[in-house]
């Protein structure tokens, strides 16, 4: 799977996912630290990545439909 690890999680999570064969990038990898949620979501959509985060705003399915 392809993952985008948000800035509120340690980058070791991305490394652990990579160790298990996943394609994981952090927002730090792409210079997205401090960017707004909609921007991060758009990058993840373009890259076909699931966002891994502790940010509860991403849980709003009206704003961020799971199928997208």
N, C-alpha and C. Protein backbone atom coordinates (compact mmCIF):
# COMPACT_ATOMS: atom_id res chain seq x y z
N UNK A 1 0.83 -1.18 0.00
CA UNK A 1 0.00 0.00 0.00
C UNK A 1 0.88 1.24 0.00
N UNK A 2 0.25 2.36 -0.33
CA UNK A 2 0.93 3.65 -0.37
C UNK A 2 0.35 4.55 0.74
N UNK A 3 1.24 5.09 1.58
CA UNK A 3 0.81 5.88 2.72
C UNK A 3 1.47 7.25 2.72
N UNK A 4 0.74 8.25 3.26
CA UNK A 4 1.28 9.58 3.55
C UNK A 4 1.16 9.75 5.06
N UNK A 5 2.30 9.87 5.75
CA UNK A 5 2.31 10.00 7.20
C UNK A 5 2.29 11.48 7.56
N UNK A 6 1.29 11.89 8.31
CA UNK A 6 1.11 13.29 8.67
C UNK A 6 2.16 13.71 9.70
N UNK A 7 2.30 15.02 9.87
CA UNK A 7 3.35 15.58 10.73
C UNK A 7 3.13 15.32 12.21
N UNK A 8 1.92 14.90 12.60
CA UNK A 8 1.69 14.66 14.02
C UNK A 8 2.08 13.24 14.44
N UNK A 9 2.70 12.50 13.54
CA UNK A 9 3.21 11.16 13.84
C UNK A 9 4.71 11.14 13.59
N UNK A 10 5.41 10.33 14.34
CA UNK A 10 6.86 10.25 14.21
C UNK A 10 7.22 9.58 12.88
N UNK A 11 8.31 10.03 12.29
CA UNK A 11 8.73 9.49 11.00
C UNK A 11 9.13 8.02 11.07
N UNK A 12 9.34 7.50 12.27
CA UNK A 12 9.64 6.07 12.43
C UNK A 12 8.49 5.21 11.94
N UNK A 13 7.28 5.75 11.96
CA UNK A 13 6.12 4.99 11.46
C UNK A 13 6.29 4.73 9.98
N UNK A 14 6.73 5.73 9.23
CA UNK A 14 6.97 5.54 7.80
C UNK A 14 8.06 4.49 7.59
N UNK A 15 9.11 4.56 8.38
CA UNK A 15 10.19 3.59 8.25
C UNK A 15 9.71 2.17 8.55
N UNK A 16 8.87 2.02 9.57
CA UNK A 16 8.33 0.70 9.90
C UNK A 16 7.47 0.17 8.75
N UNK A 17 6.68 1.04 8.16
CA UNK A 17 5.86 0.61 7.01
C UNK A 17 6.74 0.21 5.84
N UNK A 18 7.79 0.97 5.58
CA UNK A 18 8.72 0.63 4.49
C UNK A 18 9.38 -0.72 4.73
N UNK A 19 9.74 -0.98 5.99
CA UNK A 19 10.37 -2.24 6.35
C UNK A 19 9.45 -3.42 6.02
N UNK A 20 8.15 -3.19 6.08
CA UNK A 20 7.18 -4.24 5.78
C UNK A 20 6.70 -4.19 4.33
N UNK A 21 7.44 -3.50 3.47
CA UNK A 21 7.17 -3.53 2.04
C UNK A 21 6.21 -2.49 1.51
N UNK A 22 5.82 -1.54 2.34
CA UNK A 22 4.88 -0.50 1.89
C UNK A 22 5.64 0.72 1.37
N UNK A 23 4.98 1.51 0.56
CA UNK A 23 5.51 2.76 0.05
C UNK A 23 4.97 3.86 0.96
N UNK A 24 5.83 4.38 1.84
CA UNK A 24 5.38 5.37 2.82
C UNK A 24 6.24 6.62 2.72
N UNK A 25 5.58 7.77 2.66
CA UNK A 25 6.26 9.06 2.69
C UNK A 25 5.65 9.89 3.81
N UNK A 26 6.47 10.78 4.34
CA UNK A 26 5.97 11.69 5.37
C UNK A 26 5.74 13.07 4.75
N UNK A 27 4.98 13.91 5.43
CA UNK A 27 4.82 15.27 4.96
C UNK A 27 6.16 16.00 4.99
N UNK A 28 7.05 15.57 5.87
CA UNK A 28 8.39 16.17 5.94
C UNK A 28 9.18 15.86 4.67
N UNK A 29 9.01 14.63 4.12
CA UNK A 29 9.73 14.22 2.91
C UNK A 29 9.48 15.18 1.75
N UNK A 30 8.29 15.76 1.71
CA UNK A 30 7.91 16.61 0.59
C UNK A 30 7.80 18.09 0.96
N UNK A 31 8.27 18.44 2.12
CA UNK A 31 8.24 19.84 2.52
C UNK A 31 6.83 20.36 2.77
N UNK A 32 5.94 19.48 3.22
CA UNK A 32 4.55 19.87 3.46
C UNK A 32 4.24 20.17 4.92
N UNK A 33 5.26 20.21 5.76
CA UNK A 33 5.04 20.48 7.18
C UNK A 33 4.37 21.85 7.34
N UNK A 34 3.30 21.89 8.11
CA UNK A 34 2.59 23.13 8.37
C UNK A 34 1.54 23.48 7.32
N UNK A 35 1.44 22.69 6.27
CA UNK A 35 0.44 22.97 5.24
C UNK A 35 -0.95 22.57 5.73
N UNK A 36 -1.95 23.18 5.17
CA UNK A 36 -3.34 22.93 5.56
C UNK A 36 -3.78 21.51 5.17
N UNK A 37 -4.72 20.97 5.95
CA UNK A 37 -5.23 19.63 5.69
C UNK A 37 -5.71 19.43 4.25
N UNK A 38 -6.48 20.36 3.69
CA UNK A 38 -6.94 20.14 2.31
C UNK A 38 -5.78 20.00 1.31
N UNK A 39 -4.71 20.70 1.57
CA UNK A 39 -3.54 20.61 0.69
C UNK A 39 -2.88 19.23 0.81
N UNK A 40 -2.72 18.75 2.03
CA UNK A 40 -2.14 17.43 2.26
C UNK A 40 -3.03 16.35 1.67
N UNK A 41 -4.33 16.50 1.84
CA UNK A 41 -5.28 15.54 1.28
C UNK A 41 -5.18 15.50 -0.25
N UNK A 42 -5.04 16.65 -0.87
CA UNK A 42 -4.94 16.71 -2.33
C UNK A 42 -3.66 16.04 -2.83
N UNK A 43 -2.56 16.26 -2.15
CA UNK A 43 -1.31 15.59 -2.52
C UNK A 43 -1.47 14.09 -2.38
N UNK A 44 -2.06 13.65 -1.28
CA UNK A 44 -2.28 12.21 -1.07
C UNK A 44 -3.18 11.63 -2.16
N UNK A 45 -4.22 12.35 -2.55
CA UNK A 45 -5.10 11.87 -3.64
C UNK A 45 -4.34 11.73 -4.94
N UNK A 46 -3.56 12.74 -5.28
CA UNK A 46 -2.79 12.69 -6.53
C UNK A 46 -1.80 11.53 -6.54
N UNK A 47 -1.26 11.21 -5.38
CA UNK A 47 -0.27 10.13 -5.27
C UNK A 47 -0.91 8.78 -4.95
N UNK A 48 -2.21 8.74 -4.84
CA UNK A 48 -2.94 7.51 -4.48
C UNK A 48 -2.42 6.94 -3.16
N UNK A 49 -2.35 7.81 -2.14
CA UNK A 49 -1.88 7.40 -0.82
C UNK A 49 -2.99 7.55 0.22
N UNK A 50 -2.98 6.66 1.19
CA UNK A 50 -3.86 6.78 2.36
C UNK A 50 -3.14 7.66 3.37
N UNK A 51 -3.86 8.59 3.97
CA UNK A 51 -3.28 9.48 4.98
C UNK A 51 -3.35 8.79 6.34
N UNK A 52 -2.20 8.73 7.01
CA UNK A 52 -2.12 8.18 8.36
C UNK A 52 -1.88 9.38 9.28
N UNK A 53 -2.80 9.62 10.21
CA UNK A 53 -2.74 10.83 11.02
C UNK A 53 -3.47 10.65 12.34
N UNK A 54 -3.18 11.54 13.26
CA UNK A 54 -3.95 11.63 14.50
C UNK A 54 -4.90 12.83 14.45
N UNK A 55 -4.90 13.53 13.34
CA UNK A 55 -5.73 14.72 13.14
C UNK A 55 -7.18 14.30 12.92
N UNK A 56 -8.04 14.62 13.85
CA UNK A 56 -9.44 14.19 13.77
C UNK A 56 -10.22 14.87 12.64
N UNK A 57 -9.70 15.98 12.11
CA UNK A 57 -10.39 16.64 11.00
C UNK A 57 -10.48 15.72 9.78
N UNK A 58 -9.50 14.86 9.58
CA UNK A 58 -9.53 13.93 8.45
C UNK A 58 -10.64 12.89 8.61
N UNK A 59 -11.19 12.76 9.80
CA UNK A 59 -12.28 11.83 10.05
C UNK A 59 -13.63 12.34 9.57
N UNK A 60 -13.69 13.59 9.13
CA UNK A 60 -14.93 14.17 8.62
C UNK A 60 -15.18 13.63 7.21
N UNK A 61 -16.08 12.64 7.09
CA UNK A 61 -16.28 11.97 5.79
C UNK A 61 -16.98 12.86 4.76
N UNK A 62 -17.59 13.94 5.21
CA UNK A 62 -18.16 14.87 4.24
C UNK A 62 -17.07 15.70 3.57
N UNK A 63 -16.08 16.06 4.36
CA UNK A 63 -14.96 16.86 3.85
C UNK A 63 -13.93 15.97 3.12
N UNK A 64 -13.72 14.78 3.65
CA UNK A 64 -12.73 13.85 3.09
C UNK A 64 -13.37 12.47 2.89
N UNK A 65 -14.17 12.32 1.83
CA UNK A 65 -14.85 11.04 1.58
C UNK A 65 -13.83 9.89 1.44
N UNK A 66 -14.05 8.78 2.12
CA UNK A 66 -13.11 7.66 2.09
C UNK A 66 -12.82 7.15 0.68
N UNK A 67 -13.80 7.21 -0.20
CA UNK A 67 -13.59 6.69 -1.56
C UNK A 67 -12.64 7.57 -2.37
N UNK A 68 -12.37 8.76 -1.88
CA UNK A 68 -11.44 9.64 -2.56
C UNK A 68 -10.07 9.58 -1.94
